[in-house]
């Protein structure tokens, strides 16, 4: 056995360097963890819609329904119901494909309806402006919309309507 192997002791400065490296690694890991927690908190409060035009605050917006559209001129109905609550605004989000939205009629719980002219060409992953409803909080029974997909896309679009309480 070699006598100098048992006598080896690390240089005192090496010990300080190792401690400093461990401290830097610990600080970096803590900052990364804090950044991740802050990001989760922020994105937990705000859900950015696919169109990117307006954030939909989760506490104020409710998904009223979705429809997968056909490859033709068509009409679809989203049934809502009074249990969802009274709404002041609507927003349309289109995903998976594109479509030409011609108009929409919102039917209220008191038997009246409100025609809404849209005439929007929605591309994949886009959304409408925020559509303010007439009057105070309105109970919505159904939403009827007319659209076509001619010359627009190879994929069927998915139309989702959100309501603001």
Protein backbone atom coordinates (compact mmCIF):
# COMPACT_ATOMS: atom_id res chain seq x y z
CA UNK A 1 0.00 0.00 0.00
CA UNK A 2 1.23 3.46 -0.83
CA UNK A 3 1.77 5.64 2.21
CA UNK A 4 0.78 8.95 0.59
CA UNK A 5 -2.80 7.83 -0.30
CA UNK A 6 -3.94 7.76 3.32
CA UNK A 7 -2.41 11.14 3.93
CA UNK A 8 -4.34 12.93 1.14
CA UNK A 9 -6.41 15.89 2.35
CA UNK A 10 -8.27 18.25 0.01
CA UNK A 11 -7.04 21.77 -0.26
CA UNK A 12 -9.06 24.11 2.05
CA UNK A 13 -10.01 26.38 -0.87
CA UNK A 14 -11.51 23.41 -2.72
CA UNK A 15 -13.94 22.89 0.16
CA UNK A 16 -15.06 26.55 -0.04
CA UNK A 17 -15.51 26.31 -3.82
CA UNK A 18 -17.66 23.19 -3.47
CA UNK A 19 -19.83 24.86 -0.81
CA UNK A 20 -20.26 27.94 -3.02
CA UNK A 21 -21.21 25.79 -6.01
CA UNK A 22 -23.82 23.95 -3.95
CA UNK A 23 -25.22 27.26 -2.67
CA UNK A 24 -25.48 28.65 -6.22
CA UNK A 25 -27.22 25.46 -7.39
CA UNK A 26 -29.69 25.68 -4.46
CA UNK A 27 -30.50 29.35 -5.20
CA UNK A 28 -31.01 28.59 -8.92
CA UNK A 29 -33.37 25.68 -8.12
CA UNK A 30 -35.38 27.84 -5.70
CA UNK A 31 -35.70 30.67 -8.24
CA UNK A 32 -36.86 28.18 -10.88
CA UNK A 33 -39.43 26.76 -8.48
CA UNK A 34 -40.70 30.23 -7.54
CA UNK A 35 -40.95 31.22 -11.23
CA UNK A 36 -42.92 28.05 -11.97
CA UNK A 37 -45.31 28.71 -9.06
CA UNK A 38 -45.88 32.33 -10.15
CA UNK A 39 -46.55 31.20 -13.73
CA UNK A 40 -49.08 28.62 -12.60
CA UNK A 41 -50.79 31.22 -10.41
CA UNK A 42 -51.05 33.77 -13.22
CA UNK A 43 -52.18 31.31 -15.89
CA UNK A 44 -54.59 29.73 -13.43
CA UNK A 45 -56.38 33.08 -13.11
CA UNK A 46 -56.41 34.02 -16.77
CA UNK A 47 -57.11 31.65 -19.65
CA UNK A 48 -56.13 33.25 -22.96
CA UNK A 49 -58.59 32.32 -25.67
CA UNK A 50 -57.30 30.73 -28.84
CA UNK A 51 -57.82 33.88 -30.85
CA UNK A 52 -55.49 35.76 -28.55
CA UNK A 53 -57.59 38.89 -28.82
CA UNK A 54 -59.10 38.94 -25.35
CA UNK A 55 -58.35 37.00 -22.20
CA UNK A 56 -61.36 35.10 -20.89
CA UNK A 57 -61.39 35.40 -17.12
CA UNK A 58 -62.39 32.02 -15.79
CA UNK A 59 -64.47 33.44 -12.95
CA UNK A 60 -66.67 35.52 -15.30
CA UNK A 61 -67.00 33.35 -18.42
CA UNK A 62 -68.91 30.10 -18.87
CA UNK A 63 -68.71 27.72 -21.80
CA UNK A 64 -72.25 27.55 -23.19
CA UNK A 65 -71.59 24.82 -25.73
CA UNK A 66 -69.75 23.64 -28.84
CA UNK A 67 -70.66 22.31 -32.28
CA UNK A 68 -68.54 20.56 -34.93
CA UNK A 69 -69.63 22.08 -38.26
CA UNK A 70 -70.24 20.33 -41.60
CA UNK A 71 -68.68 21.05 -45.01
CA UNK A 72 -71.64 23.02 -46.39
CA UNK A 73 -74.04 25.88 -45.73
CA UNK A 74 -75.67 24.93 -42.48
CA UNK A 75 -77.47 25.97 -39.32
CA UNK A 76 -76.69 24.71 -35.84
CA UNK A 77 -78.25 25.18 -32.40
CA UNK A 78 -76.54 25.31 -29.02
CA UNK A 79 -79.07 24.72 -26.25
CA UNK A 80 -78.15 26.59 -23.07
CA UNK A 81 -80.88 26.60 -20.40
CA UNK A 82 -81.64 28.81 -17.42
CA UNK A 83 -79.47 26.83 -15.02
CA UNK A 84 -76.37 28.41 -16.56
CA UNK A 85 -77.34 31.89 -15.28
CA UNK A 86 -77.90 35.36 -16.70
CA UNK A 87 -75.39 36.66 -19.25
CA UNK A 88 -74.33 40.12 -20.42
CA UNK A 89 -71.93 39.20 -23.26
CA UNK A 90 -71.02 36.39 -25.64
CA UNK A 91 -67.83 35.39 -27.42
CA UNK A 92 -67.35 32.86 -30.23
CA UNK A 93 -64.13 30.85 -30.60
CA UNK A 94 -63.44 28.74 -33.72
CA UNK A 95 -60.86 25.92 -33.63
CA UNK A 96 -59.71 23.04 -35.85
CA UNK A 97 -60.88 24.65 -39.12
CA UNK A 98 -62.20 27.81 -40.78
CA UNK A 99 -65.72 29.00 -41.58
CA UNK A 100 -67.85 31.92 -42.77
CA UNK A 101 -70.27 32.88 -39.98
CA UNK A 102 -73.31 34.71 -41.40
CA UNK A 103 -75.50 35.43 -38.43
CA UNK A 104 -76.57 34.32 -35.01
CA UNK A 105 -79.88 34.56 -33.11
CA UNK A 106 -79.85 34.44 -29.33
CA UNK A 107 -83.13 33.18 -27.81
CA UNK A 108 -83.96 34.39 -24.30
CA UNK A 109 -85.92 32.82 -21.46
CA UNK A 110 -88.74 35.39 -21.73
CA UNK A 111 -89.52 34.27 -25.31
CA UNK A 112 -87.78 37.15 -27.11
CA UNK A 113 -84.74 36.83 -29.34
CA UNK A 114 -81.90 39.03 -30.51
CA UNK A 115 -80.50 38.68 -34.05
CA UNK A 116 -76.78 39.33 -34.24
CA UNK A 117 -75.19 39.98 -37.63
CA UNK A 118 -71.70 38.58 -37.68
CA UNK A 119 -70.55 38.22 -41.28
CA UNK A 120 -67.17 37.09 -40.03
CA UNK A 121 -64.66 34.85 -41.75
CA UNK A 122 -63.16 32.87 -38.90
CA UNK A 123 -59.80 31.26 -39.56
CA UNK A 124 -58.59 28.30 -37.56
CA UNK A 125 -58.02 29.24 -33.90
CA UNK A 126 -59.69 32.66 -34.07
CA UNK A 127 -62.45 34.38 -32.15
CA UNK A 128 -65.13 37.03 -32.37
CA UNK A 129 -65.26 40.37 -30.69
CA UNK A 130 -67.05 40.44 -27.35
CA UNK A 131 -70.75 40.67 -28.25
CA UNK A 132 -72.71 42.71 -25.70
CA UNK A 133 -76.30 41.57 -25.24
CA UNK A 134 -79.13 44.11 -25.00
CA UNK A 135 -80.61 44.64 -21.55
CA UNK A 136 -79.35 43.46 -18.18
CA UNK A 137 -78.39 39.87 -17.37
CA UNK A 138 -80.24 37.68 -19.84
CA UNK A 139 -81.29 34.04 -19.47
CA UNK A 140 -80.35 32.31 -22.74
CA UNK A 141 -82.31 29.24 -23.83
CA UNK A 142 -80.55 28.61 -27.14
CA UNK A 143 -78.22 30.12 -29.71
CA UNK A 144 -78.83 29.47 -33.42
CA UNK A 145 -76.11 30.27 -35.94
CA UNK A 146 -75.77 30.05 -39.74
CA UNK A 147 -72.45 29.45 -41.48
CA UNK A 148 -70.74 27.89 -44.47
CA UNK A 149 -67.34 26.33 -44.95
CA UNK A 150 -67.08 26.51 -48.74
CA UNK A 151 -63.57 27.17 -50.01
CA UNK A 152 -62.35 27.52 -46.45
CA UNK A 153 -60.66 24.39 -45.12
CA UNK A 154 -60.11 20.66 -45.26
CA UNK A 155 -60.85 20.30 -41.54
CA UNK A 156 -64.22 20.57 -39.81
CA UNK A 157 -64.29 23.63 -37.58
CA UNK A 158 -65.40 23.49 -33.97
CA UNK A 159 -67.50 26.49 -32.83
CA UNK A 160 -67.59 27.21 -29.09
CA UNK A 161 -69.71 29.95 -27.49
CA UNK A 162 -68.80 31.49 -24.13
CA UNK A 163 -71.09 33.67 -22.02
CA UNK A 164 -70.05 36.32 -19.52
CA UNK A 165 -72.00 36.30 -16.27
